[in-house]
Amino acid sequence: MILKSYYEVYQGKDHLFYWRLYAPNHRQVADGSEGYSTKQGAERGIISSIRQSTGLVAKWEAGAKYGNKYSMRWLRIAATSIPVRYPHP
């Protein structure tokens, strides 16, 4: 199995949503410093950061359950999918 980078959307103690980008070795390599009032806002922040850093267009695909601890959605960027996980509180 080839490991890929992935994003995580989480809710902070201030009840705002944030995102983080992890490398294949599970180390955090980037984050969105802006807090969003909704999960969808954080997802739009991920797409915006991809567009600004690469110029590529990204779109969301259908999600799936990932164990008991996370739910998962997939982000399609060009020909590559990047998972985004959502820890359950």
PDB file of N, CA and C in Angstrom:
ATOM      1  N   MET A   1       0.835  -1.183   0.000  1.00  0.00           N
ATOM      2  CA  MET A   1       0.000   0.000   0.000  1.00  0.00           C
ATOM      3  C   MET A   1       0.883   1.251   0.000  1.00  0.00           C
ATOM      4  N   ILE A   2       0.619   2.163  -0.904  1.00  0.00           N
ATOM      5  CA  ILE A   2       1.362   3.404  -0.986  1.00  0.00           C
ATOM      6  C   ILE A   2       0.709   4.431  -0.068  1.00  0.00           C
ATOM      7  N   LEU A   3       1.515   4.995   0.820  1.00  0.00           N
ATOM      8  CA  LEU A   3       1.001   6.018   1.720  1.00  0.00           C
ATOM      9  C   LEU A   3       0.896   7.340   0.986  1.00  0.00           C
ATOM     10  N   LYS A   4      -0.120   8.124   1.322  1.00  0.00           N
ATOM     11  CA  LYS A   4      -0.321   9.430   0.713  1.00  0.00           C
ATOM     12  C   LYS A   4      -0.440  10.489   1.800  1.00  0.00           C
ATOM     13  N   SER A   5      -0.216  11.708   1.392  1.00  0.00           N
ATOM     14  CA  SER A   5      -0.507  12.824   2.291  1.00  0.00           C
ATOM     15  C   SER A   5      -2.009  12.908   2.497  1.00  0.00           C
ATOM     16  N   TYR A   6      -2.422  13.524   3.589  1.00  0.00           N
ATOM     17  CA  TYR A   6      -3.850  13.679   3.845  1.00  0.00           C
ATOM     18  C   TYR A   6      -4.101  14.938   4.662  1.00  0.00           C
ATOM     19  N   TYR A   7      -5.309  15.442   4.536  1.00  0.00           N
ATOM     20  CA  TYR A   7      -5.762  16.586   5.311  1.00  0.00           C
ATOM     21  C   TYR A   7      -6.620  16.095   6.470  1.00  0.00           C
ATOM     22  N   GLU A   8      -6.652  16.880   7.540  1.00  0.00           N
ATOM     23  CA  GLU A   8      -7.541  16.618   8.658  1.00  0.00           C
ATOM     24  C   GLU A   8      -8.296  17.907   8.961  1.00  0.00           C
ATOM     25  N   VAL A   9      -9.606  17.809   9.099  1.00  0.00           N
ATOM     26  CA  VAL A   9     -10.436  18.930   9.531  1.00  0.00           C
ATOM     27  C   VAL A   9     -10.867  18.622  10.960  1.00  0.00           C
ATOM     28  N   TYR A  10     -10.639  19.558  11.863  1.00  0.00           N
ATOM     29  CA  TYR A  10     -10.969  19.322  13.273  1.00  0.00           C
ATOM     30  C   TYR A  10     -11.575  20.582  13.875  1.00  0.00           C
ATOM     31  N   GLN A  11     -12.249  20.392  15.001  1.00  0.00           N
ATOM     32  CA  GLN A  11     -12.855  21.509  15.709  1.00  0.00           C
ATOM     33  C   GLN A  11     -11.997  21.845  16.922  1.00  0.00           C
ATOM     34  N   GLY A  12     -11.591  23.120  17.016  1.00  0.00           N
ATOM     35  CA  GLY A  12     -10.750  23.566  18.119  1.00  0.00           C
ATOM     36  C   GLY A  12     -11.553  23.817  19.387  1.00  0.00           C
ATOM     37  N   LYS A  13     -10.838  24.121  20.469  1.00  0.00           N
ATOM     38  CA  LYS A  13     -11.496  24.415  21.744  1.00  0.00           C
ATOM     39  C   LYS A  13     -12.358  25.664  21.669  1.00  0.00           C
ATOM     40  N   ASP A  14     -12.058  26.521  20.690  1.00  0.00           N
ATOM     41  CA  ASP A  14     -12.852  27.733  20.493  1.00  0.00           C
ATOM     42  C   ASP A  14     -14.095  27.476  19.635  1.00  0.00           C
ATOM     43  N   HIS A  15     -14.358  26.201  19.323  1.00  0.00           N
ATOM     44  CA  HIS A  15     -15.514  25.744  18.546  1.00  0.00           C
ATOM     45  C   HIS A  15     -15.448  26.142  17.074  1.00  0.00           C
ATOM     46  N   LEU A  16     -14.289  26.615  16.618  1.00  0.00           N
ATOM     47  CA  LEU A  16     -14.091  26.890  15.201  1.00  0.00           C
ATOM     48  C   LEU A  16     -13.437  25.678  14.543  1.00  0.00           C
ATOM     49  N   PHE A  17     -13.580  25.559  13.232  1.00  0.00           N
ATOM     50  CA  PHE A  17     -13.006  24.441  12.490  1.00  0.00           C
ATOM     51  C   PHE A  17     -11.706  24.868  11.827  1.00  0.00           C
ATOM     52  N   TYR A  18     -10.720  23.977  11.841  1.00  0.00           N
ATOM     53  CA  TYR A  18      -9.406  24.211  11.275  1.00  0.00           C
ATOM     54  C   TYR A  18      -9.018  23.014  10.417  1.00  0.00           C
ATOM     55  N   TRP A  19      -7.987  23.182   9.574  1.00  0.00           N
ATOM     56  CA  TRP A  19      -7.470  22.056   8.807  1.00  0.00           C
ATOM     57  C   TRP A  19      -5.968  21.931   8.998  1.00  0.00           C
ATOM     58  N   ARG A  20      -5.476  20.695   8.809  1.00  0.00           N
ATOM     59  CA  ARG A  20      -4.047  20.395   8.865  1.00  0.00           C
ATOM     60  C   ARG A  20      -3.707  19.492   7.690  1.00  0.00           C
ATOM     61  N   LEU A  21      -2.499  19.603   7.173  1.00  0.00           N
ATOM     62  CA  LEU A  21      -2.000  18.709   6.134  1.00  0.00           C
ATOM     63  C   LEU A  21      -0.909  17.843   6.735  1.00  0.00           C
ATOM     64  N   TYR A  22      -1.009  16.527   6.536  1.00  0.00           N
ATOM     65  CA  TYR A  22      -0.031  15.572   7.040  1.00  0.00           C
ATOM     66  C   TYR A  22       0.706  14.913   5.890  1.00  0.00           C
ATOM     67  N   ALA A  23       1.992  14.667   6.088  1.00  0.00           N
ATOM     68  CA  ALA A  23       2.823  13.947   5.124  1.00  0.00           C
ATOM     69  C   ALA A  23       2.513  12.443   5.238  1.00  0.00           C
ATOM     70  N   PRO A  24       3.000  11.637   4.280  1.00  0.00           N
ATOM     71  CA  PRO A  24       2.769  10.190   4.352  1.00  0.00           C
ATOM     72  C   PRO A  24       3.283   9.545   5.640  1.00  0.00           C
ATOM     73  N   ASN A  25       4.278  10.151   6.300  1.00  0.00           N
ATOM     74  CA  ASN A  25       4.788   9.594   7.564  1.00  0.00           C
ATOM     75  C   ASN A  25       3.987  10.085   8.769  1.00  0.00           C
ATOM     76  N   HIS A  26       2.837  10.724   8.526  1.00  0.00           N
ATOM     77  CA  HIS A  26       1.894  11.201   9.540  1.00  0.00           C
ATOM     78  C   HIS A  26       2.404  12.408  10.337  1.00  0.00           C
ATOM     79  N   ARG A  27       3.397  13.103   9.817  1.00  0.00           N
ATOM     80  CA  ARG A  27       3.861  14.338  10.458  1.00  0.00           C
ATOM     81  C   ARG A  27       3.134  15.525   9.840  1.00  0.00           C
ATOM     82  N   GLN A  28       2.731  16.441  10.695  1.00  0.00           N
ATOM     83  CA  GLN A  28       2.036  17.638  10.219  1.00  0.00           C
ATOM     84  C   GLN A  28       3.011  18.520   9.462  1.00  0.00           C
ATOM     85  N   VAL A  29       2.635  18.924   8.241  1.00  0.00           N
ATOM     86  CA  VAL A  29       3.512  19.770   7.423  1.00  0.00           C
ATOM     87  C   VAL A  29       2.909  21.137   7.138  1.00  0.00           C
ATOM     88  N   ALA A  30       1.611  21.308   7.347  1.00  0.00           N
ATOM     89  CA  ALA A  30       0.970  22.604   7.118  1.00  0.00           C
ATOM     90  C   ALA A  30      -0.341  22.652   7.883  1.00  0.00           C
ATOM     91  N   ASP A  31      -0.835  23.882   8.090  1.00  0.00           N
ATOM     92  CA  ASP A  31      -2.154  24.041   8.696  1.00  0.00           C
ATOM     93  C   ASP A  31      -2.767  25.352   8.230  1.00  0.00           C
ATOM     94  N   GLY A  32      -4.063  25.421   8.383  1.00  0.00           N
ATOM     95  CA  GLY A  32      -4.760  26.661   8.097  1.00  0.00           C
ATOM     96  C   GLY A  32      -4.854  27.451   9.390  1.00  0.00           C
ATOM     97  N   SER A  33      -4.268  28.612   9.424  1.00  0.00           N
ATOM     98  CA  SER A  33      -4.251  29.386  10.663  1.00  0.00           C
ATOM     99  C   SER A  33      -5.590  30.061  10.932  1.00  0.00           C
ATOM    100  N   GLU A  34      -6.441  30.123   9.921  1.00  0.00           N
ATOM    101  CA  GLU A  34      -7.743  30.765  10.061  1.00  0.00           C
ATOM    102  C   GLU A  34      -8.767  29.773  10.607  1.00  0.00           C
ATOM    103  N   GLY A  35      -9.551  30.199  11.582  1.00  0.00           N
ATOM    104  CA  GLY A  35     -10.643  29.372  12.089  1.00  0.00           C
ATOM    105  C   GLY A  35     -11.912  29.646  11.294  1.00  0.00           C
ATOM    106  N   TYR A  36     -12.694  28.607  11.048  1.00  0.00           N
ATOM    107  CA  TYR A  36     -13.931  28.724  10.267  1.00  0.00           C
ATOM    108  C   TYR A  36     -15.118  28.343  11.149  1.00  0.00           C
ATOM    109  N   SER A  37     -16.235  29.017  10.954  1.00  0.00           N
ATOM    110  CA  SER A  37     -17.410  28.751  11.787  1.00  0.00           C
ATOM    111  C   SER A  37     -18.100  27.442  11.416  1.00  0.00           C
ATOM    112  N   THR A  38     -17.853  26.925  10.208  1.00  0.00           N
ATOM    113  CA  THR A  38     -18.451  25.654   9.779  1.00  0.00           C
ATOM    114  C   THR A  38     -17.378  24.733   9.204  1.00  0.00           C
ATOM    115  N   LYS A  39     -17.687  23.451   9.197  1.00  0.00           N
ATOM    116  CA  LYS A  39     -16.797  22.459   8.604  1.00  0.00           C
ATOM    117  C   LYS A  39     -16.640  22.723   7.105  1.00  0.00           C
ATOM    118  N   GLN A  40     -17.720  23.138   6.465  1.00  0.00           N
ATOM    119  CA  GLN A  40     -17.672  23.432   5.036  1.00  0.00           C
ATOM    120  C   GLN A  40     -16.733  24.609   4.751  1.00  0.00           C
ATOM    121  N   GLY A  41     -16.683  25.569   5.659  1.00  0.00           N
ATOM    122  CA  GLY A  41     -15.758  26.686   5.512  1.00  0.00           C
ATOM    123  C   GLY A  41     -14.310  26.216   5.536  1.00  0.00           C
ATOM    124  N   ALA A  42     -13.993  25.293   6.442  1.00  0.00           N
ATOM    125  CA  ALA A  42     -12.642  24.730   6.502  1.00  0.00           C
ATOM    126  C   ALA A  42     -12.325  23.959   5.222  1.00  0.00           C
ATOM    127  N   GLU A  43     -13.317  23.238   4.686  1.00  0.00           N
ATOM    128  CA  GLU A  43     -13.117  22.512   3.430  1.00  0.00           C
ATOM    129  C   GLU A  43     -12.842  23.478   2.281  1.00  0.00           C
ATOM    130  N   ARG A  44     -13.552  24.607   2.262  1.00  0.00           N
ATOM    131  CA  ARG A  44     -13.290  25.616   1.235  1.00  0.00           C
ATOM    132  C   ARG A  44     -11.883  26.204   1.408  1.00  0.00           C
ATOM    133  N   GLY A  45     -11.428  26.322   2.653  1.00  0.00           N
ATOM    134  CA  GLY A  45     -10.068  26.788   2.919  1.00  0.00           C
ATOM    135  C   GLY A  45      -9.021  25.839   2.366  1.00  0.00           C
ATOM    136  N   ILE A  46      -9.267  24.528   2.455  1.00  0.00           N
ATOM    137  CA  ILE A  46      -8.355  23.532   1.886  1.00  0.00           C
ATOM    138  C   ILE A  46      -8.274  23.718   0.377  1.00  0.00           C
ATOM    139  N   ILE A  47      -9.437  23.824  -0.271  1.00  0.00           N
ATOM    140  CA  ILE A  47      -9.466  23.985  -1.721  1.00  0.00           C
ATOM    141  C   ILE A  47      -8.766  25.281  -2.128  1.00  0.00           C
ATOM    142  N   SER A  48      -8.988  26.339  -1.378  1.00  0.00           N
ATOM    143  CA  SER A  48      -8.341  27.609  -1.676  1.00  0.00           C
ATOM    144  C   SER A  48      -6.825  27.504  -1.557  1.00  0.00           C
ATOM    145  N   SER A  49      -6.338  26.817  -0.534  1.00  0.00           N
ATOM    146  CA  SER A  49      -4.885  26.681  -0.363  1.00  0.00           C
ATOM    147  C   SER A  49      -4.276  25.860  -1.492  1.00  0.00           C
ATOM    148  N   ILE A  50      -4.995  24.839  -1.961  1.00  0.00           N
ATOM    149  CA  ILE A  50      -4.497  24.029  -3.085  1.00  0.00           C
ATOM    150  C   ILE A  50      -4.437  24.881  -4.346  1.00  0.00           C
ATOM    151  N   ARG A  51      -5.502  25.625  -4.592  1.00  0.00           N
ATOM    152  CA  ARG A  51      -5.553  26.468  -5.794  1.00  0.00           C
ATOM    153  C   ARG A  51      -4.437  27.534  -5.760  1.00  0.00           C
ATOM    154  N   GLN A  52      -4.230  28.156  -4.606  1.00  0.00           N
ATOM    155  CA  GLN A  52      -3.209  29.198  -4.496  1.00  0.00           C
ATOM    156  C   GLN A  52      -1.795  28.647  -4.609  1.00  0.00           C
ATOM    157  N   SER A  53      -1.555  27.442  -4.096  1.00  0.00           N
ATOM    158  CA  SER A  53      -0.197  26.895  -4.098  1.00  0.00           C
ATOM    159  C   SER A  53       0.145  26.143  -5.381  1.00  0.00           C
ATOM    160  N   THR A  54      -0.855  25.592  -6.066  1.00  0.00           N
ATOM    161  CA  THR A  54      -0.562  24.763  -7.240  1.00  0.00           C
ATOM    162  C   THR A  54      -1.223  25.262  -8.513  1.00  0.00           C
ATOM    163  N   GLY A  55      -2.282  26.042  -8.383  1.00  0.00           N
ATOM    164  CA  GLY A  55      -3.041  26.464  -9.547  1.00  0.00           C
ATOM    165  C   GLY A  55      -4.001  25.402 -10.055  1.00  0.00           C
ATOM    166  N   LEU A  56      -4.069  24.264  -9.375  1.00  0.00           N
ATOM    167  CA  LEU A  56      -4.958  23.173  -9.791  1.00  0.00           C
ATOM    168  C   LEU A  56      -6.364  23.379  -9.244  1.00  0.00           C
ATOM    169  N   VAL A  57      -7.335  22.829  -9.929  1.00  0.00           N
ATOM    170  CA  VAL A  57      -8.721  22.872  -9.491  1.00  0.00           C
ATOM    171  C   VAL A  57      -9.016  21.599  -8.706  1.00  0.00           C
ATOM    172  N   ALA A  58      -9.656  21.757  -7.561  1.00  0.00           N
ATOM    173  CA  ALA A  58      -9.979  20.615  -6.709  1.00  0.00           C
ATOM    174  C   ALA A  58     -11.483  20.549  -6.514  1.00  0.00           C
ATOM    175  N   LYS A  59     -12.016  19.347  -6.303  1.00  0.00           N
ATOM    176  CA  LYS A  59     -13.436  19.175  -6.001  1.00  0.00           C
ATOM    177  C   LYS A  59     -13.603  18.000  -5.049  1.00  0.00           C
ATOM    178  N   TRP A  60     -14.713  18.015  -4.305  1.00  0.00           N
ATOM    179  CA  TRP A  60     -14.991  16.970  -3.327  1.00  0.00           C
ATOM    180  C   TRP A  60     -15.695  15.806  -3.986  1.00  0.00           C
ATOM    181  N   GLU A  61     -15.367  14.587  -3.522  1.00  0.00           N
ATOM    182  CA  GLU A  61     -16.034  13.370  -3.957  1.00  0.00           C
ATOM    183  C   GLU A  61     -16.783  12.785  -2.760  1.00  0.00           C
ATOM    184  N   ALA A  62     -17.537  11.741  -3.013  1.00  0.00           N
ATOM    185  CA  ALA A  62     -18.337  11.103  -1.961  1.00  0.00           C
ATOM    186  C   ALA A  62     -17.444  10.600  -0.831  1.00  0.00           C
ATOM    187  N   GLY A  63     -17.979  10.624   0.371  1.00  0.00           N
ATOM    188  CA  GLY A  63     -17.231  10.191   1.547  1.00  0.00           C
ATOM    189  C   GLY A  63     -17.511   8.748   1.902  1.00  0.00           C
ATOM    190  N   ALA A  64     -16.773   8.261   2.877  1.00  0.00           N
ATOM    191  CA  ALA A  64     -16.942   6.890   3.358  1.00  0.00           C
ATOM    192  C   ALA A  64     -16.521   6.848   4.821  1.00  0.00           C
ATOM    193  N   LYS A  65     -17.008   5.873   5.546  1.00  0.00           N
ATOM    194  CA  LYS A  65     -16.603   5.693   6.939  1.00  0.00           C
ATOM    195  C   LYS A  65     -15.193   5.127   6.996  1.00  0.00           C
ATOM    196  N   TYR A  66     -14.445   5.534   7.999  1.00  0.00           N
ATOM    197  CA  TYR A  66     -13.074   5.073   8.184  1.00  0.00           C
ATOM    198  C   TYR A  66     -12.916   4.680   9.643  1.00  0.00           C
ATOM    199  N   GLY A  67     -13.225   3.428   9.961  1.00  0.00           N
ATOM    200  CA  GLY A  67     -13.131   2.964  11.341  1.00  0.00           C
ATOM    201  C   GLY A  67     -14.144   3.656  12.236  1.00  0.00           C
ATOM    202  N   ASN A  68     -13.947   3.568  13.534  1.00  0.00           N
ATOM    203  CA  ASN A  68     -14.856   4.183  14.493  1.00  0.00           C
ATOM    204  C   ASN A  68     -14.444   5.605  14.843  1.00  0.00           C
ATOM    205  N   LYS A  69     -13.182   5.952  14.601  1.00  0.00           N
ATOM    206  CA  LYS A  69     -12.649   7.218  15.080  1.00  0.00           C
ATOM    207  C   LYS A  69     -12.781   8.354  14.061  1.00  0.00           C
ATOM    208  N   TYR A  70     -12.842   8.032  12.778  1.00  0.00           N
ATOM    209  CA  TYR A  70     -12.848   9.056  11.748  1.00  0.00           C
ATOM    210  C   TYR A  70     -13.916   8.782  10.707  1.00  0.00           C
ATOM    211  N   SER A  71     -14.420   9.842  10.113  1.00  0.00           N
ATOM    212  CA  SER A  71     -15.154   9.700   8.863  1.00  0.00           C
ATOM    213  C   SER A  71     -14.258  10.320   7.801  1.00  0.00           C
ATOM    214  N   MET A  72     -14.493  10.002   6.557  1.00  0.00           N
ATOM    215  CA  MET A  72     -13.544  10.376   5.519  1.00  0.00           C
ATOM    216  C   MET A  72     -14.269  10.917   4.303  1.00  0.00           C
ATOM    217  N   ARG A  73     -13.688  11.931   3.665  1.00  0.00           N
ATOM    218  CA  ARG A  73     -14.118  12.402   2.354  1.00  0.00           C
ATOM    219  C   ARG A  73     -12.884  12.441   1.483  1.00  0.00           C
ATOM    220  N   TRP A  74     -13.096  12.401   0.182  1.00  0.00           N
ATOM    221  CA  TRP A  74     -11.974  12.430  -0.751  1.00  0.00           C
ATOM    222  C   TRP A  74     -12.001  13.706  -1.546  1.00  0.00           C
ATOM    223  N   LEU A  75     -10.843  14.262  -1.746  1.00  0.00           N
ATOM    224  CA  LEU A  75     -10.664  15.485  -2.496  1.00  0.00           C
ATOM    225  C   LEU A  75      -9.954  15.124  -3.794  1.00  0.00           C
ATOM    226  N   ARG A  76     -10.584  15.401  -4.933  1.00  0.00           N
ATOM    227  CA  ARG A  76     -10.001  15.067  -6.231  1.00  0.00           C
ATOM    228  C   ARG A  76      -9.229  16.279  -6.741  1.00  0.00           C
ATOM    229  N   ILE A  77      -7.942  16.110  -6.973  1.00  0.00           N
ATOM    230  CA  ILE A  77      -7.097  17.164  -7.519  1.00  0.00           C
ATOM    231  C   ILE A  77      -6.448  16.597  -8.776  1.00  0.00           C
ATOM    232  N   ALA A  78      -6.810  17.149  -9.914  1.00  0.00           N
ATOM    233  CA  ALA A  78      -6.321  16.632 -11.193  1.00  0.00           C
ATOM    234  C   ALA A  78      -6.603  15.129 -11.217  1.00  0.00           C
ATOM    235  N   ALA A  79      -5.566  14.283 -11.301  1.00  0.00           N
ATOM    236  CA  ALA A  79      -5.767  12.829 -11.352  1.00  0.00           C
ATOM    237  C   ALA A  79      -5.467  12.160 -10.019  1.00  0.00           C
ATOM    238  N   THR A  80      -5.314  12.929  -8.958  1.00  0.00           N
ATOM    239  CA  THR A  80      -4.922  12.393  -7.654  1.00  0.00           C
ATOM    240  C   THR A  80      -6.016  12.639  -6.633  1.00  0.00           C
ATOM    241  N   SER A  81      -6.252  11.670  -5.761  1.00  0.00           N
ATOM    242  CA  SER A  81      -7.185  11.848  -4.645  1.00  0.00           C
ATOM    243  C   SER A  81      -6.398  11.997  -3.356  1.00  0.00           C
ATOM    244  N   ILE A  82      -6.822  12.931  -2.518  1.00  0.00           N
ATOM    245  CA  ILE A  82      -6.205  13.135  -1.210  1.00  0.00           C
ATOM    246  C   ILE A  82      -7.287  12.951  -0.157  1.00  0.00           C
ATOM    247  N   PRO A  83      -7.080  12.047   0.811  1.00  0.00           N
ATOM    248  CA  PRO A  83      -8.091  11.854   1.839  1.00  0.00           C
ATOM    249  C   PRO A  83      -8.118  13.003   2.836  1.00  0.00           C
ATOM    250  N   VAL A  84      -9.306  13.285   3.337  1.00  0.00           N
ATOM    251  CA  VAL A  84      -9.496  14.266   4.404  1.00  0.00           C
ATOM    252  C   VAL A  84     -10.237  13.541   5.519  1.00  0.00           C
ATOM    253  N   ARG A  85      -9.655  13.492   6.715  1.00  0.00           N
ATOM    254  CA  ARG A  85     -10.297  12.771   7.795  1.00  0.00           C
ATOM    255  C   ARG A  85     -10.879  13.740   8.811  1.00  0.00           C
ATOM    256  N   TYR A  86     -11.908  13.270   9.497  1.00  0.00           N
ATOM    257  CA  TYR A  86     -12.639  14.081  10.460  1.00  0.00           C
ATOM    258  C   TYR A  86     -12.700  13.316  11.777  1.00  0.00           C
ATOM    259  N   PRO A  87     -11.896  13.690  12.785  1.00  0.00           N
ATOM    260  CA  PRO A  87     -11.966  13.001  14.071  1.00  0.00           C
ATOM    261  C   PRO A  87     -13.315  13.239  14.729  1.00  0.00           C
ATOM    262  N   HIS A  88     -13.858  12.207  15.336  1.00  0.00           N
ATOM    263  CA  HIS A  88     -15.114  12.353  16.059  1.00  0.00           C
ATOM    264  C   HIS A  88     -14.787  12.854  17.468  1.00  0.00           C
ATOM    265  N   PRO A  89     -15.562  13.805  17.954  1.00  0.00           N
ATOM    266  CA  PRO A  89     -15.279  14.355  19.302  1.00  0.00           C
ATOM    267  C   PRO A  89     -15.477  13.337  20.401  1.00  0.00           C
TER     268      PRO A  89
END
